[in-house]
Protein backbone atom coordinates (compact mmCIF):
# COMPACT_ATOMS: atom_id res chain seq x y z
CA MET A 1 -10.66 22.43 -30.76
CA THR A 2 -11.57 18.80 -30.10
CA LEU A 3 -15.67 17.80 -30.47
CA SER A 4 -14.40 16.01 -27.22
CA ARG A 5 -13.16 19.44 -26.08
CA ARG A 6 -15.67 21.36 -27.09
CA PHE A 7 -18.08 18.97 -25.31
CA SER A 8 -16.48 18.87 -22.39
CA LYS A 9 -16.41 22.88 -21.87
CA PHE A 10 -20.82 23.30 -22.95
CA LEU A 11 -21.06 19.80 -20.38
CA LEU A 12 -18.97 22.31 -17.31
CA PRO A 13 -21.37 24.92 -17.03
CA ILE A 14 -24.07 22.62 -16.91
CA MET A 15 -22.49 20.52 -14.65
CA GLY A 16 -21.62 23.49 -12.03
CA ALA A 17 -25.41 24.52 -12.07
CA LEU A 18 -25.89 21.12 -11.29
CA ALA A 19 -23.80 21.04 -8.15
CA LEU A 20 -24.89 24.39 -6.45
CA SER A 21 -28.62 23.30 -7.20
CA ALA A 22 -27.64 20.64 -5.36
CA CYS A 23 -26.11 22.52 -2.58
CA GLY A 24 -28.50 24.53 -0.88
CA ILE A 25 -29.25 27.33 -2.88
CA ASN A 26 -32.56 26.99 -3.61
CA SER A 27 -33.92 24.10 -1.50
CA VAL A 28 -32.69 26.29 1.82
CA PRO A 29 -34.29 29.68 1.58
CA THR A 30 -37.98 27.90 -0.22
CA ALA A 31 -37.43 25.58 3.55
CA GLU A 32 -36.97 28.74 5.53
CA GLU A 33 -39.07 30.77 3.90
CA ALA A 34 -42.00 27.99 3.55
CA ALA A 35 -41.15 27.93 7.56
CA LYS A 36 -41.48 32.06 8.18
CA ALA A 37 -44.99 31.96 6.62
CA LYS A 38 -45.75 28.75 8.77
CA TRP A 39 -45.26 31.28 11.69
CA ALA A 40 -47.18 33.92 10.82
CA ASP A 41 -49.84 31.97 10.78
CA VAL A 42 -49.55 30.56 14.30
CA GLN A 43 -49.32 33.82 14.92
CA ALA A 44 -52.25 35.24 13.08
CA GLN A 45 -54.26 32.07 15.09
CA TYR A 46 -53.14 33.22 18.77
CA GLN A 47 -53.49 36.79 17.29
CA ARG A 48 -58.03 35.46 16.34
CA ARG A 49 -57.72 34.07 19.70
CA SER A 50 -56.49 37.33 21.47
CA ASN A 51 -59.36 39.15 19.74
CA LEU A 52 -62.49 36.56 20.57
CA VAL A 53 -60.93 36.53 23.92
CA GLY A 54 -61.63 40.98 24.50
CA ASN A 55 -65.11 39.78 23.26
CA LEU A 56 -65.87 37.05 25.59
CA VAL A 57 -64.59 39.11 28.74
CA ALA A 58 -66.48 41.68 28.02
CA THR A 59 -69.69 39.02 27.05
CA VAL A 60 -68.86 37.57 30.77
CA LYS A 61 -68.86 40.52 32.82
CA ALA A 62 -71.44 41.82 31.45
CA ALA A 63 -73.82 38.77 33.29
CA GLY A 64 -71.33 37.68 36.28
CA LYS A 65 -69.72 40.45 38.22
CA GLN A 66 -68.78 38.35 40.86
CA GLU A 67 -65.77 36.99 38.33
CA GLN A 68 -63.63 40.04 38.66
CA ASP A 69 -60.91 38.65 39.34
CA THR A 70 -60.65 36.42 37.35
CA LEU A 71 -62.12 39.13 34.62
CA VAL A 72 -58.98 40.98 35.71
CA ARG A 73 -56.22 38.14 35.44
CA VAL A 74 -57.48 36.96 31.83
CA THR A 75 -57.38 40.25 30.77
CA GLU A 76 -53.98 40.97 32.01
CA ALA A 77 -52.94 38.03 30.22
CA ARG A 78 -54.13 38.82 27.19
CA ALA A 79 -52.43 42.10 27.26
CA LYS A 80 -49.01 40.08 27.96
CA ALA A 81 -49.85 36.88 25.46
CA THR A 82 -50.29 40.82 22.48
CA SER A 83 -46.90 42.37 23.63
CA VAL A 84 -44.70 39.74 23.26
CA GLN A 85 -44.19 39.54 19.97
CA VAL A 86 -41.24 36.48 17.66
CA SER A 87 -40.89 37.92 14.37
CA ALA A 88 -39.37 35.29 11.59
CA ALA A 89 -35.72 36.22 12.52
CA ASP A 90 -35.93 35.32 16.15
CA LEU A 91 -36.73 32.10 14.98
CA SER A 92 -33.80 30.59 15.41
CA ASP A 93 -33.74 31.52 19.48
CA PRO A 94 -34.60 29.64 21.07
CA ALA A 95 -35.33 32.41 24.39
CA LYS A 96 -37.50 33.94 22.01
CA VAL A 97 -39.74 31.67 20.95
CA ALA A 98 -39.89 29.77 25.01
CA GLN A 99 -40.97 33.79 26.20
CA PHE A 100 -44.33 33.61 23.38
CA GLN A 101 -45.15 30.58 24.04
CA GLN A 102 -45.03 30.72 28.11
CA ALA A 103 -47.10 34.02 27.54
CA GLN A 104 -50.25 32.67 25.31
CA ALA A 105 -49.32 29.36 27.71
CA GLN A 106 -50.80 31.63 30.98
CA LEU A 107 -53.36 33.33 28.91
CA SER A 108 -54.70 29.77 27.64
CA GLN A 109 -54.53 29.53 31.77
CA GLY A 110 -56.53 32.43 32.30
CA LEU A 111 -59.20 31.45 30.08
CA GLY A 112 -59.69 27.92 31.28
CA ARG A 113 -60.81 29.49 34.40
CA LEU A 114 -62.79 31.36 33.16
CA LEU A 115 -64.70 29.52 30.62
CA ALA A 116 -65.29 27.21 33.69
CA SER A 117 -66.30 30.13 36.10
CA VAL A 118 -69.53 30.19 33.42
CA GLU A 119 -70.70 27.50 34.86
CA ALA A 120 -72.66 29.66 37.56
CA TYR A 121 -74.13 31.53 34.82
CA PRO A 122 -76.87 29.30 33.00
CA ASP A 123 -78.31 32.31 31.39
CA LEU A 124 -74.87 33.39 29.78
CA LYS A 125 -75.11 29.48 28.34
CA SER A 126 -77.51 30.43 26.63
CA ASN A 127 -76.70 34.12 25.75
CA GLU A 128 -76.58 34.07 22.50
CA ASN A 129 -73.89 36.20 21.79
CA TYR A 130 -72.15 33.58 24.36
CA LEU A 131 -72.61 31.24 22.91
CA SER A 132 -71.36 32.71 19.43
CA LEU A 133 -68.39 33.58 21.56
CA GLN A 134 -67.48 29.88 22.32
CA SER A 135 -68.19 29.00 18.81
CA GLN A 136 -66.13 30.97 17.43
CA LEU A 137 -63.27 30.46 20.36
CA GLU A 138 -62.83 26.51 20.45
CA GLY A 139 -63.09 26.38 16.08
CA THR A 140 -59.64 29.52 16.98
CA GLU A 141 -57.90 26.94 19.83
CA ASN A 142 -58.11 24.05 16.49
CA ARG A 143 -56.35 26.18 14.22
CA ILE A 144 -54.25 27.07 16.83
CA ALA A 145 -53.35 23.67 16.87
CA VAL A 146 -52.91 23.06 12.91
CA ALA A 147 -51.00 26.37 12.33
CA ILE A 148 -48.26 25.38 15.49
CA ARG A 149 -48.89 21.34 13.62
CA ASP A 150 -47.56 23.14 9.80
CA TYR A 151 -45.09 25.56 11.44
CA ASN A 152 -43.38 22.53 13.14
CA ALA A 153 -43.11 20.44 9.86
CA ALA A 154 -41.62 23.08 8.34
CA VAL A 155 -39.49 23.41 10.77
CA GLN A 156 -38.43 20.03 10.57
CA ASP A 157 -37.88 20.07 6.58
CA TYR A 158 -35.76 23.33 7.21
CA ASN A 159 -33.45 21.74 9.55
CA THR A 160 -33.01 19.17 8.32
CA ARG A 161 -31.93 20.49 5.02
CA ILE A 162 -29.95 22.46 6.90
CA ARG A 163 -28.06 19.81 8.11
CA THR A 164 -27.73 16.87 5.51
CA PHE A 165 -26.06 16.17 2.76
CA PRO A 166 -25.87 18.33 0.02
CA ASP A 167 -27.60 21.08 1.40
CA ALA A 168 -25.80 21.42 4.34
CA ILE A 169 -23.27 22.92 2.28
CA GLY A 170 -24.95 25.75 0.63
CA ALA A 171 -26.38 26.40 3.99
CA LYS A 172 -23.19 27.01 5.94
CA ILE A 173 -21.07 27.93 3.42
CA ILE A 174 -23.93 30.45 1.50
CA HIS A 175 -26.83 31.28 3.33
CA GLY A 176 -25.37 30.97 7.69
CA SER A 177 -27.91 29.43 8.66
CA LYS A 178 -29.19 28.75 11.65
CA PRO A 179 -31.90 25.83 13.30
CA MET A 180 -35.23 27.42 13.79
CA THR A 181 -36.92 26.65 17.11
CA PRO A 182 -40.68 23.94 17.11
CA PHE A 183 -42.80 25.85 18.85
CA GLN A 184 -43.17 23.27 22.21
CA ALA A 185 -46.01 23.26 25.30
CA THR A 186 -44.54 25.45 27.91
CA THR A 187 -47.39 23.71 30.12
CA PRO A 188 -48.77 20.08 30.90
CA GLY A 189 -51.28 19.82 28.21
CA ALA A 190 -50.67 22.98 27.08
CA GLU A 191 -50.25 21.37 23.59
CA GLU A 192 -54.07 20.54 23.63
CA ALA A 193 -56.88 22.98 22.94
CA PRO A 194 -58.28 23.99 26.32
CA LYS A 195 -62.18 22.34 26.43
CA VAL A 196 -64.77 25.32 25.95
CA ASP A 197 -67.64 22.58 26.08
CA PHE A 198 -70.62 24.39 28.77
CA GLY A 199 -72.79 20.89 28.73
CA ASN A 200 -74.67 22.79 26.28
């Protein structure tokens, strides 16, 4: 066996491994898992908001009996928002992601109405529990915006990776990858956090 044949036998497996690594064998699942982790962050922030809304409703309820209708709507929207779950496996289903987005948007709208109605209660606006909840809610809305931005960036990276050469080869042949659905605003202005400034 000549030296060149021995060298080619040694070099062939290395070249094959390099070719496979350039075809999305590792990069596609890595990008997919990154997007799923970012989705988990989005869900965690919405759950945090849901928990805060429950406390906010209780605080406002104690101070303003006249706002019962608004409180009922917010409570119902919160229940619906927490009942709509989208798992990581559902991220390639635009209908399921849209259903989750709509439920969250309804809660945002109800929450906005509730917060606006608080203006009629000066005592509530100076209540320590209320002020703390207001601050936490504002922070959570900002965290939601960041989590959605990070998720959309991870989805863009994954979707680009599975559609471009050479990763598209491994994405289609080995992984059977499907594009993931980015999070989009479902109502005008829904991409912006509700304003929670009460003129304090």
